[in-house]
Amino acid sequence: QVQLVESGGGLVQAGGSLRVSCAASGRTFSAYTTGWFRQAPGKEREFVAALSRNGYSTYYADSVKGRFTISIDNTRNTVYLQMNSLKPEDTAVYYCAARAAAIGIVTKTALYDYWGQGTQVTVSS
């Protein structure tokens, strides 16, 4: 099993940047496909970005493409989501997730096995 802990959320003005982190313990991220999701109040959890298990492939939701970047630091066993040009509609709780039985990109919430507790990102206008 793997345990995931997010950090780095906070309050930022529109147009600003923020980086959220997801640290894994128990197993290394190299054994998992990973993803970032977000959930705004009153809305369903939605896909944001995903990273393949080998770390070579990435995929983004259209709403964040060109602004967000998912990456991994294997030495720290941590996955990051760099968020630039933030908009008020990016306000949400951000969750990282991991799936063991996959190699490629996974975008569906239901297919992920492990989740972190989430970190709040608030973008003011």
N, C-alpha and C. Protein backbone atom coordinates (compact mmCIF):
# COMPACT_ATOMS: atom_id res chain seq x y z
N GLN A 1 0.83 -1.19 0.00
CA GLN A 1 0.00 0.00 0.00
C GLN A 1 0.87 1.24 0.00
N VAL A 2 0.27 2.35 -0.39
CA VAL A 2 0.96 3.62 -0.39
C VAL A 2 0.08 4.64 0.33
N GLN A 3 0.70 5.52 1.07
CA GLN A 3 -0.02 6.62 1.72
C GLN A 3 0.39 7.92 1.04
N LEU A 4 -0.60 8.76 0.77
CA LEU A 4 -0.36 10.01 0.05
C LEU A 4 -0.72 11.20 0.93
N VAL A 5 0.15 12.20 0.94
CA VAL A 5 -0.10 13.40 1.73
C VAL A 5 0.17 14.62 0.86
N GLU A 6 -0.88 15.42 0.65
CA GLU A 6 -0.73 16.64 -0.14
C GLU A 6 -0.35 17.81 0.76
N SER A 7 0.31 18.79 0.16
CA SER A 7 0.65 20.02 0.85
C SER A 7 0.85 21.12 -0.18
N GLY A 8 0.94 22.36 0.30
CA GLY A 8 1.27 23.46 -0.58
C GLY A 8 0.09 24.30 -1.03
N GLY A 9 -1.11 23.93 -0.63
CA GLY A 9 -2.25 24.75 -1.00
C GLY A 9 -2.23 26.08 -0.28
N GLY A 10 -3.13 26.98 -0.68
CA GLY A 10 -3.20 28.27 -0.03
C GLY A 10 -4.04 29.24 -0.82
N LEU A 11 -3.90 30.51 -0.47
CA LEU A 11 -4.65 31.59 -1.12
C LEU A 11 -3.72 32.35 -2.04
N VAL A 12 -4.16 32.57 -3.27
CA VAL A 12 -3.35 33.28 -4.25
C VAL A 12 -4.28 34.16 -5.10
N GLN A 13 -3.74 35.25 -5.58
CA GLN A 13 -4.53 36.13 -6.44
C GLN A 13 -4.60 35.57 -7.86
N ALA A 14 -5.64 35.93 -8.57
CA ALA A 14 -5.77 35.53 -9.96
C ALA A 14 -4.55 35.97 -10.75
N GLY A 15 -4.07 35.07 -11.61
CA GLY A 15 -2.87 35.34 -12.37
C GLY A 15 -1.60 34.85 -11.69
N GLY A 16 -1.71 34.48 -10.44
CA GLY A 16 -0.55 34.02 -9.69
C GLY A 16 -0.26 32.54 -9.89
N SER A 17 0.72 32.06 -9.15
CA SER A 17 1.17 30.67 -9.26
C SER A 17 1.21 30.00 -7.90
N LEU A 18 1.09 28.69 -7.93
CA LEU A 18 1.16 27.89 -6.71
C LEU A 18 1.61 26.50 -7.11
N ARG A 19 2.37 25.86 -6.23
CA ARG A 19 2.76 24.47 -6.46
C ARG A 19 2.28 23.62 -5.30
N VAL A 20 1.51 22.60 -5.62
CA VAL A 20 1.07 21.65 -4.61
C VAL A 20 1.88 20.37 -4.76
N SER A 21 2.12 19.72 -3.63
CA SER A 21 2.96 18.53 -3.59
C SER A 21 2.18 17.35 -3.06
N CYS A 22 2.61 16.17 -3.45
CA CYS A 22 2.01 14.93 -2.96
C CYS A 22 3.15 13.98 -2.63
N ALA A 23 3.37 13.77 -1.35
CA ALA A 23 4.43 12.89 -0.89
C ALA A 23 3.88 11.50 -0.62
N ALA A 24 4.62 10.50 -1.08
CA ALA A 24 4.19 9.11 -0.89
C ALA A 24 5.06 8.42 0.15
N SER A 25 4.42 7.57 0.92
CA SER A 25 5.16 6.73 1.86
C SER A 25 4.61 5.31 1.75
N GLY A 26 5.43 4.36 2.08
CA GLY A 26 5.01 2.97 2.00
C GLY A 26 5.54 2.27 0.76
N ARG A 27 5.43 2.92 -0.38
CA ARG A 27 5.98 2.42 -1.63
C ARG A 27 6.39 3.61 -2.47
N THR A 28 7.19 3.34 -3.49
CA THR A 28 7.64 4.42 -4.34
C THR A 28 6.61 4.72 -5.42
N PHE A 29 6.61 5.98 -5.87
CA PHE A 29 5.67 6.39 -6.91
C PHE A 29 5.93 5.67 -8.23
N SER A 30 7.13 5.15 -8.40
CA SER A 30 7.46 4.48 -9.65
C SER A 30 6.62 3.22 -9.86
N ALA A 31 5.95 2.76 -8.81
CA ALA A 31 5.09 1.58 -8.93
C ALA A 31 3.66 1.95 -9.30
N TYR A 32 3.38 3.24 -9.50
CA TYR A 32 2.00 3.69 -9.70
C TYR A 32 1.87 4.68 -10.85
N THR A 33 0.71 4.64 -11.47
CA THR A 33 0.26 5.76 -12.27
C THR A 33 -0.33 6.78 -11.30
N THR A 34 -0.06 8.07 -11.51
CA THR A 34 -0.52 9.08 -10.57
C THR A 34 -1.36 10.14 -11.26
N GLY A 35 -2.17 10.81 -10.46
CA GLY A 35 -3.02 11.85 -11.02
C GLY A 35 -3.37 12.90 -10.00
N TRP A 36 -3.78 14.04 -10.48
CA TRP A 36 -4.32 15.12 -9.65
C TRP A 36 -5.77 15.34 -10.05
N PHE A 37 -6.60 15.52 -9.04
CA PHE A 37 -8.00 15.81 -9.22
C PHE A 37 -8.36 17.01 -8.36
N ARG A 38 -9.53 17.59 -8.61
CA ARG A 38 -9.98 18.68 -7.76
C ARG A 38 -11.49 18.63 -7.59
N GLN A 39 -11.94 19.20 -6.49
CA GLN A 39 -13.37 19.23 -6.21
C GLN A 39 -13.73 20.57 -5.62
N ALA A 40 -14.58 21.29 -6.34
CA ALA A 40 -15.09 22.57 -5.88
C ALA A 40 -16.39 22.34 -5.10
N PRO A 41 -16.77 23.27 -4.23
CA PRO A 41 -18.00 23.11 -3.45
C PRO A 41 -19.21 22.87 -4.35
N GLY A 42 -19.98 21.84 -4.04
CA GLY A 42 -21.18 21.55 -4.79
C GLY A 42 -20.96 20.88 -6.13
N LYS A 43 -19.70 20.54 -6.42
CA LYS A 43 -19.41 19.92 -7.72
C LYS A 43 -18.77 18.55 -7.51
N GLU A 44 -18.79 17.75 -8.56
CA GLU A 44 -18.14 16.45 -8.51
C GLU A 44 -16.63 16.61 -8.64
N ARG A 45 -15.93 15.61 -8.14
CA ARG A 45 -14.47 15.60 -8.29
C ARG A 45 -14.14 15.43 -9.76
N GLU A 46 -13.19 16.24 -10.24
CA GLU A 46 -12.85 16.20 -11.65
C GLU A 46 -11.37 15.99 -11.88
N PHE A 47 -11.07 15.39 -13.01
CA PHE A 47 -9.69 15.13 -13.40
C PHE A 47 -8.98 16.43 -13.74
N VAL A 48 -7.71 16.52 -13.34
CA VAL A 48 -6.89 17.69 -13.66
C VAL A 48 -5.68 17.29 -14.49
N ALA A 49 -4.89 16.34 -14.01
CA ALA A 49 -3.66 15.97 -14.70
C ALA A 49 -3.26 14.56 -14.29
N ALA A 50 -2.55 13.88 -15.18
CA ALA A 50 -2.09 12.52 -14.89
C ALA A 50 -0.68 12.32 -15.42
N LEU A 51 0.02 11.37 -14.79
CA LEU A 51 1.39 11.04 -15.13
C LEU A 51 1.49 9.53 -15.24
N SER A 52 2.08 9.04 -16.32
CA SER A 52 2.21 7.60 -16.48
C SER A 52 3.21 7.04 -15.47
N ARG A 53 3.19 5.72 -15.31
CA ARG A 53 4.03 5.12 -14.29
C ARG A 53 5.51 5.34 -14.54
N ASN A 54 5.92 5.36 -15.79
CA ASN A 54 7.34 5.58 -16.08
C ASN A 54 7.71 7.06 -16.05
N GLY A 55 6.72 7.91 -15.85
CA GLY A 55 6.98 9.34 -15.73
C GLY A 55 7.19 10.06 -17.04
N TYR A 56 7.02 9.36 -18.16
CA TYR A 56 7.32 9.97 -19.45
C TYR A 56 6.12 10.60 -20.12
N SER A 57 4.91 10.16 -19.77
CA SER A 57 3.71 10.68 -20.42
C SER A 57 2.87 11.46 -19.44
N THR A 58 2.31 12.57 -19.94
CA THR A 58 1.42 13.38 -19.13
C THR A 58 0.15 13.67 -19.93
N TYR A 59 -0.90 14.02 -19.20
CA TYR A 59 -2.17 14.34 -19.85
C TYR A 59 -2.90 15.33 -18.96
N TYR A 60 -3.57 16.30 -19.59
CA TYR A 60 -4.21 17.37 -18.83
C TYR A 60 -5.65 17.57 -19.27
N ALA A 61 -6.46 18.00 -18.33
CA ALA A 61 -7.80 18.45 -18.67
C ALA A 61 -7.68 19.71 -19.53
N ASP A 62 -8.62 19.89 -20.43
CA ASP A 62 -8.57 21.05 -21.32
C ASP A 62 -8.56 22.37 -20.54
N SER A 63 -9.22 22.37 -19.40
CA SER A 63 -9.35 23.60 -18.62
C SER A 63 -8.03 24.06 -18.01
N VAL A 64 -7.04 23.18 -17.92
CA VAL A 64 -5.77 23.56 -17.29
C VAL A 64 -4.59 23.43 -18.24
N LYS A 65 -4.83 22.90 -19.43
CA LYS A 65 -3.75 22.68 -20.39
C LYS A 65 -3.04 23.99 -20.70
N GLY A 66 -1.71 23.94 -20.65
CA GLY A 66 -0.91 25.12 -20.90
C GLY A 66 -0.65 25.96 -19.67
N ARG A 67 -1.37 25.68 -18.59
CA ARG A 67 -1.19 26.44 -17.34
C ARG A 67 -0.64 25.59 -16.20
N PHE A 68 -1.01 24.32 -16.17
CA PHE A 68 -0.59 23.41 -15.10
C PHE A 68 0.42 22.40 -15.64
N THR A 69 1.32 21.97 -14.75
CA THR A 69 2.31 20.96 -15.12
C THR A 69 2.44 19.94 -13.99
N ILE A 70 2.29 18.66 -14.34
CA ILE A 70 2.50 17.59 -13.38
C ILE A 70 3.91 17.04 -13.56
N SER A 71 4.58 16.77 -12.45
CA SER A 71 5.94 16.25 -12.53
C SER A 71 6.21 15.38 -11.32
N ILE A 72 7.33 14.66 -11.37
CA ILE A 72 7.69 13.77 -10.28
C ILE A 72 9.17 13.93 -9.95
N ASP A 73 9.47 13.85 -8.66
CA ASP A 73 10.84 13.82 -8.18
C ASP A 73 11.02 12.48 -7.48
N ASN A 74 11.64 11.54 -8.17
CA ASN A 74 11.76 10.20 -7.61
C ASN A 74 12.67 10.15 -6.39
N THR A 75 13.61 11.09 -6.30
CA THR A 75 14.51 11.11 -5.14
C THR A 75 13.76 11.49 -3.87
N ARG A 76 12.71 12.29 -4.04
CA ARG A 76 11.90 12.71 -2.90
C ARG A 76 10.59 11.91 -2.80
N ASN A 77 10.36 11.04 -3.79
CA ASN A 77 9.12 10.27 -3.83
C ASN A 77 7.90 11.18 -3.74
N THR A 78 7.94 12.24 -4.54
CA THR A 78 6.92 13.29 -4.48
C THR A 78 6.48 13.65 -5.90
N VAL A 79 5.17 13.83 -6.05
CA VAL A 79 4.60 14.32 -7.30
C VAL A 79 4.13 15.74 -7.08
N TYR A 80 4.34 16.59 -8.07
CA TYR A 80 4.00 18.01 -7.96
C TYR A 80 2.96 18.39 -9.01
N LEU A 81 2.23 19.44 -8.70
CA LEU A 81 1.37 20.08 -9.67
C LEU A 81 1.69 21.57 -9.61
N GLN A 82 2.38 22.03 -10.63
CA GLN A 82 2.70 23.46 -10.74
C GLN A 82 1.55 24.14 -11.45
N MET A 83 0.99 25.16 -10.81
CA MET A 83 -0.18 25.84 -11.34
C MET A 83 0.16 27.30 -11.60
N ASN A 84 0.10 27.71 -12.85
CA ASN A 84 0.39 29.09 -13.25
C ASN A 84 -0.86 29.74 -13.82
N SER A 85 -0.84 31.04 -13.91
CA SER A 85 -1.97 31.81 -14.46
C SER A 85 -3.29 31.36 -13.85
N LEU A 86 -3.31 31.28 -12.54
CA LEU A 86 -4.47 30.76 -11.84
C LEU A 86 -5.68 31.66 -12.01
N LYS A 87 -6.84 31.02 -12.05
CA LYS A 87 -8.11 31.72 -12.23
C LYS A 87 -9.01 31.41 -11.03
N PRO A 88 -9.98 32.27 -10.74
CA PRO A 88 -10.90 31.99 -9.63
C PRO A 88 -11.60 30.64 -9.78
N GLU A 89 -11.85 30.21 -11.01
CA GLU A 89 -12.51 28.92 -11.22
C GLU A 89 -11.61 27.72 -10.92
N ASP A 90 -10.34 27.97 -10.64
CA ASP A 90 -9.44 26.90 -10.21
C ASP A 90 -9.58 26.62 -8.71
N THR A 91 -10.35 27.43 -8.02
CA THR A 91 -10.55 27.24 -6.58
C THR A 91 -11.21 25.90 -6.31
N ALA A 92 -10.57 25.09 -5.47
CA ALA A 92 -11.06 23.75 -5.17
C ALA A 92 -10.13 23.09 -4.15
N VAL A 93 -10.56 21.95 -3.65
CA VAL A 93 -9.66 21.08 -2.91
C VAL A 93 -8.98 20.18 -3.94
N TYR A 94 -7.66 20.14 -3.88
CA TYR A 94 -6.89 19.36 -4.83
C TYR A 94 -6.42 18.07 -4.18
N TYR A 95 -6.64 16.95 -4.88
CA TYR A 95 -6.29 15.63 -4.38
C TYR A 95 -5.31 14.96 -5.33
N CYS A 96 -4.34 14.25 -4.76
CA CYS A 96 -3.54 13.38 -5.60
C CYS A 96 -4.01 11.95 -5.40
N ALA A 97 -3.75 11.13 -6.40
CA ALA A 97 -4.22 9.75 -6.40
C ALA A 97 -3.21 8.86 -7.08
N ALA A 98 -3.26 7.57 -6.75
CA ALA A 98 -2.34 6.60 -7.33
C ALA A 98 -3.09 5.32 -7.68
N ARG A 99 -2.66 4.71 -8.79
CA ARG A 99 -3.26 3.45 -9.22
C ARG A 99 -2.14 2.49 -9.51
N ALA A 100 -2.26 1.28 -8.94
CA ALA A 100 -1.18 0.31 -9.06
C ALA A 100 -1.23 -0.46 -10.37
N ALA A 101 -2.39 -0.91 -10.78
CA ALA A 101 -2.49 -1.82 -11.93
C ALA A 101 -2.65 -1.06 -13.23
N ALA A 102 -1.71 -0.17 -13.50
CA ALA A 102 -1.78 0.61 -14.73
C ALA A 102 -0.38 1.04 -15.11
N ILE A 103 -0.17 1.22 -16.39
CA ILE A 103 1.11 1.72 -16.87
C ILE A 103 0.92 3.09 -17.52
N GLY A 104 -0.15 3.24 -18.29
CA GLY A 104 -0.38 4.48 -19.01
C GLY A 104 -1.17 5.48 -18.20
N ILE A 105 -1.72 6.44 -18.92
CA ILE A 105 -2.48 7.52 -18.30
C ILE A 105 -3.85 7.03 -17.85
N VAL A 106 -4.28 7.47 -16.68
CA VAL A 106 -5.60 7.13 -16.15
C VAL A 106 -6.29 8.44 -15.76
N THR A 107 -7.49 8.67 -16.29
CA THR A 107 -8.18 9.92 -16.02
C THR A 107 -9.46 9.76 -15.20
N LYS A 108 -9.93 8.53 -15.06
CA LYS A 108 -11.19 8.30 -14.37
C LYS A 108 -10.99 8.18 -12.86
N THR A 109 -11.78 8.94 -12.12
CA THR A 109 -11.68 8.96 -10.67
C THR A 109 -11.82 7.56 -10.08
N ALA A 110 -12.79 6.80 -10.58
CA ALA A 110 -13.13 5.50 -10.01
C ALA A 110 -12.01 4.47 -10.17
N LEU A 111 -11.07 4.71 -11.06
CA LEU A 111 -10.01 3.72 -11.32
C LEU A 111 -8.81 3.87 -10.40
N TYR A 112 -8.78 4.93 -9.62
CA TYR A 112 -7.66 5.14 -8.71
C TYR A 112 -7.88 4.42 -7.38
N ASP A 113 -6.79 3.84 -6.88
CA ASP A 113 -6.88 3.01 -5.67
C ASP A 113 -6.61 3.79 -4.39
N TYR A 114 -5.71 4.76 -4.46
CA TYR A 114 -5.27 5.47 -3.26
C TYR A 114 -5.42 6.98 -3.45
N TRP A 115 -5.83 7.65 -2.36
CA TRP A 115 -6.08 9.08 -2.39
C TRP A 115 -5.46 9.75 -1.18
N GLY A 116 -5.04 10.99 -1.40
CA GLY A 116 -4.60 11.81 -0.28
C GLY A 116 -5.80 12.49 0.35
N GLN A 117 -5.52 13.30 1.37
CA GLN A 117 -6.60 13.95 2.12
C GLN A 117 -7.04 15.27 1.48
N GLY A 118 -6.26 15.77 0.54
CA GLY A 118 -6.60 16.98 -0.17
C GLY A 118 -5.96 18.22 0.43
N THR A 119 -5.76 19.23 -0.40
CA THR A 119 -5.24 20.52 0.03
C THR A 119 -6.03 21.61 -0.68
N GLN A 120 -6.42 22.64 0.11
CA GLN A 120 -7.29 23.69 -0.43
C GLN A 120 -6.48 24.70 -1.22
N VAL A 121 -6.97 25.01 -2.41
CA VAL A 121 -6.41 26.08 -3.24
C VAL A 121 -7.53 27.09 -3.48
N THR A 122 -7.28 28.33 -3.11
CA THR A 122 -8.26 29.39 -3.28
C THR A 122 -7.65 30.51 -4.11
N VAL A 123 -8.31 30.86 -5.19
CA VAL A 123 -7.82 31.91 -6.08
C VAL A 123 -8.79 33.09 -6.00
N SER A 124 -8.29 34.21 -5.55
CA SER A 124 -9.14 35.39 -5.40
C SER A 124 -9.09 36.24 -6.67
N SER A 125 -10.19 36.90 -6.96
CA SER A 125 -10.28 37.71 -8.18
C SER A 125 -9.86 39.14 -7.92
